[in-house]
Amino acid sequence: MVNIVLFMVYKLSFPNVLSDSFVEEKQMK
């Protein structure tokens, strides 16, 4: 469920770098 929150925050914060951030998050985990 935390992924959903992070996704929303990232989308609202920087939708342009959403993909990059998501990939980094997945790689970190």
Protein backbone atom coordinates (compact mmCIF):
# COMPACT_ATOMS: atom_id res chain seq x y z
CA MET A 1 0.00 0.00 0.00
CA VAL A 2 2.94 2.32 0.63
CA ASN A 3 3.80 2.06 -3.05
CA ILE A 4 0.48 3.70 -3.91
CA VAL A 5 1.21 6.64 -1.61
CA LEU A 6 4.72 7.09 -2.98
CA PHE A 7 3.32 6.86 -6.48
CA MET A 8 0.79 9.60 -5.76
CA VAL A 9 3.39 11.83 -4.12
CA TYR A 10 5.83 11.34 -6.99
CA LYS A 11 3.10 11.98 -9.54
CA LEU A 12 2.14 15.22 -7.81
CA SER A 13 5.72 16.24 -7.12
CA PHE A 14 7.31 15.53 -10.48
CA PRO A 15 5.26 13.60 -13.06
CA ASN A 16 8.07 14.09 -15.55
CA VAL A 17 10.57 12.16 -13.46
CA LEU A 18 7.95 9.70 -12.23
CA SER A 19 9.31 6.89 -14.38
CA ASP A 20 12.89 7.54 -13.33
CA SER A 21 11.98 7.68 -9.65
CA PHE A 22 9.87 4.55 -9.90
CA VAL A 23 12.71 2.64 -11.53
CA GLU A 24 15.14 3.83 -8.87
CA GLU A 25 12.73 2.81 -6.12
CA LYS A 26 12.30 -0.66 -7.61
CA GLN A 27 16.06 -1.07 -7.99
CA MET A 28 16.68 0.07 -4.42
CA LYS A 29 14.17 -2.47 -3.11
